[in-house]
Structure formats: structure tokens, C-alpha cells
Amino acid sequence: MAVKKEPIELLKTKLNRCINGNMSLTNRSLKAGNKILIKYNQNFVEYTENGYTYDGIDRFYTRDYTVKIELNRENLSLISSSSSKPDKNFGFFLGFMKNITAQDLNKVVISNVNKVEPPILYTTKSLFEDYKKIAREEGIDKNIRIRNRVAPYLKNHFDIELNEAEAQKDYSLVLKEIIASNQVSQADIIELTGNLETGENINLVVEKKINKQVDWLITTIEEQILSKSKITTADSKTIGNTYFGFPKIQIKGPEDLMEKILTKYGQYTFFGVPAMINTNKYVIHHGDLSRSQLDLILITHLGDIELVELKRSDEILMDFDFGRKKFYPTKTLAAAISQCERYITTINRDNDESFKIDNKKIRDFLQEQIGADNLDVESVRPTGTIIIGSSNSIFTQYENLNASQKAKISKGQYETNGKLAYKELKNTYKNIKVLTYSELVGHAKTRLQLDL
């Protein structure tokens, strides 16, 4: 299974592609001779004032501004893989803002705020891209206006007849301008959407809104959770509160954070099922001290039951025996599989009076929870899904092994064996699926791309 590259690795790939002439790439910069063109680290990439072109001769020049961009997957689109120069629109936008504010500005920073703190202009990616679209549209408008005014002269002097041209407007930009002007009220927006007829137009509006939310959700989970090799309880509380709006006091740890996210967003975005139940109640078996508490219960379109067991997103799935050179499931994963098997056995007794949730037979409890008269719950084919770890935690990364461990096996053998062992594990159980959160997010991303 392919391991997802970090933003800094993707950046290096882009920078490698634009190397020519006397340029070279180091761990922290792109240089031409002894001049630094671009500086970068895990958090930022910065275009310096130094410029360089090569046409058989090294040509150096100096810009009157610099550009600093926060390094993440979304912002990588602002960095060219064919040039060591920043997008020329950064300079245009900075010049425009200098004239408007009458401030001495010489640096653009792409961040999460829009503000002017001389000599720095802070701007969001969305505002900068809107400026580019407006500038491009106005440039086209200007050419068309000149064309239409010159047309009579061409007819009179050259007998060349031109039909009057008309510029095509990007109405999504116009709508953004209207909203930004604060001249439109919530009532106006409600009236606008109310006038949309049911059909293609309103469906498109709804689909775009849904796709935007799914894209935000996927990006946030990848960047704030799956990119981290270790997540503490404090991290979980901060991430859950900052990005998802959960009260910190309600988040017990990494596992609980993922349960809350999937409970809120998972039914359609990740699982695609008509019904999903998250209950904090236990399945009680009279005469038995053991109790089963299910994380998520999915009801498929066929009325089948799928039980979801959630584990930490930073959990390691496979341990390695350096003596036998074999991978095997970690204690956590083995316990999760055992739990899942027990849950499936329990659900198979859904009509048994001795197995109850909230003092109701399991089947009656589930039917009551989904409240759908046209969807009958069946336990004929109950299955289980364990969601655990990420693509980076299937096994301990080779770089994190100690020297004596590395001496016993090469990196290639270690990683190949690890991926093969994980694949074999996934194919071992007929009624239990093992999935990483990366795979779960990847499936959602595929569906999103198909919908675009």
C-alpha cells in the first residue's frame, strides 16, 4: 500500500523539476550559485528577493518583494514546478495594496488571516486567488472594450467588419463580490435560493455545498490527525475543539475524538449507509458478567448489520519478530479482532430475550433507533469493521528502529514484508474487515472525485 507523501516531500519534487542552469537543491533551500532563491522547512516555503534565469548564461536580478507561504497540501498549488519564481500576481497584488493603503509593503505572506502590518501583507489563499480571477477577467474586458471601439475604424479604413464582442462573466465571482460588499442580507439569500426551481440548478448548488464540506473534512483529518505519528489526549482535545467544535471536556482521548468525528460526519461521507447508530449503552447478557459496548452500528441498504470497532489513529497494527523475520498483529489489533468476533456472536442473538440493550431485545432496540418503517434490520449476515491506525502506522517506520534491529533486515525487505503481512491479514477474515483511517478517508476522497 502506497504511503502518502508529506507536503515537504511533494514540495521537493516540485523544486527538483524546476532546476536548470547553475541551480541546486539542498535540505533547506533552492540555490543558483551562492544565491538562495527559495528557503523552506516543514512549515513554510519562502521566495527570497533573488531572481535567476538561464538561457545559456546565468542571469541574476533582484525583486523588490518576497513571498512566504504556509506549507500544506492546499497551498502547494501556489508553488510552480516549472519556475523558481513566484507567481507574478503576488507582485501585482502587493503593488495594488501598496497604492490603496499608501503603506510601504515588501512581503506577501499566505496565511489564515487578511491584514496589513507594514511591511507585510497577510492574505488568505482564497482572497489571493479571487484577486487573480478578477484581474484576469478585467484584462479580458479591457481587450474587448478596445476591440469594440476600434471596430468602426477597421471597417472604414480596411473594410474589415468585426461583430461586437461581449465578455463572459464569472458569476460566482460576482456573487462573492456582492456578499463581500455587505449589501445583501440573509433574507435576500433565502429569497434567491427560494426562487431556484427544483432540478438541475438547485441540485448543483446542494452538491457543491456537500462536496465543499467533504473536501474540508478530508483535508482536516489528513493534515491535523493522520499526519501526526503520536496524538496525546491534550492534542485530541485541542484538535477536536479547534477544528470540529467539540467541547474539550467531552473528549477523552484520540480514540474518542475519532468516534465523535465519525458519529457526526460518518454516515454519508465515510460509510454511505441509510442508518448509523452510536449508543453508549451496553449489551447485557443475563447470567453473564461480560458486557459488550459497540462503537458504531451501521445498517446497510439491505438491512444488514455492520459493527464498527474504532481504535486510535496513531496505533501500530503490525509488530515484527526480528528472529523469525515475520510480522504479526499487535496486541491491540488482536484484541480488537477478538472483540469484533464477540460482538458479531452477540448480534447474531438479536432476537434472544437473554441479550438486551436498554432492557430491549437487540433487534427491537435497533429498529426503534433507526425509526424507519421501510427498513427492516436483519442479523443474517452481520459483519465487523475495525478502523485503526493510518498508512504511516501499519508497522513501525524503519527509520525508528534501532541500529541492531536495522542490522538484521534491510529497509526494502522490512517494508515489503510489512505491506504483504498487512494485505494477508486483511484477507484472513471473511466477516471482519481491517481498515486504516487513511484507507477510510481515501475511499471518501475517491467518491468525492467521482462526484466532481
Foldseek 3Di string as FASTA:
>chain_A
DDDDDFLVVVVVQLQVLQDDDQWDDDPFAIDRVPHTQWGDDSFKIKGAQWDWDDDPDIDIDGHQAMEMETGHPVCVVQDGSHGSDGDCLVVVVLVVVCVVVVAQAHYEYADDDADDDPNYTYDHPVVSVLVVVVVVQVVVVVVLVVCQVCQVVCCVPVVDHDDRDDGDDPVVSVVVVCVVVVPDDPVNVVVVLVPDDPDDPNVVVVLVVVLVVLVLLLRLCVPLAQVDLDAFLVSLLCSCCVPPNDHSVQRRTQQSSVLVSCVVPVCCLQPNALDKDADQWWWAFPPDPDIAHFSMWGQHPQQEIETEAEDGQNAAAWEADLVVRAIDGDPVNVVVVVSQVVVLVLVQCQVPQRIDTPNHRNQVVVCVVSVDPVRHHDSPQYAYEYEYYASCRPDPQPVPDDPVSCVSDPNVSNVVNSVVNVVVVQVPDDRYGYHYVHVSSVVSVVVSVVSD
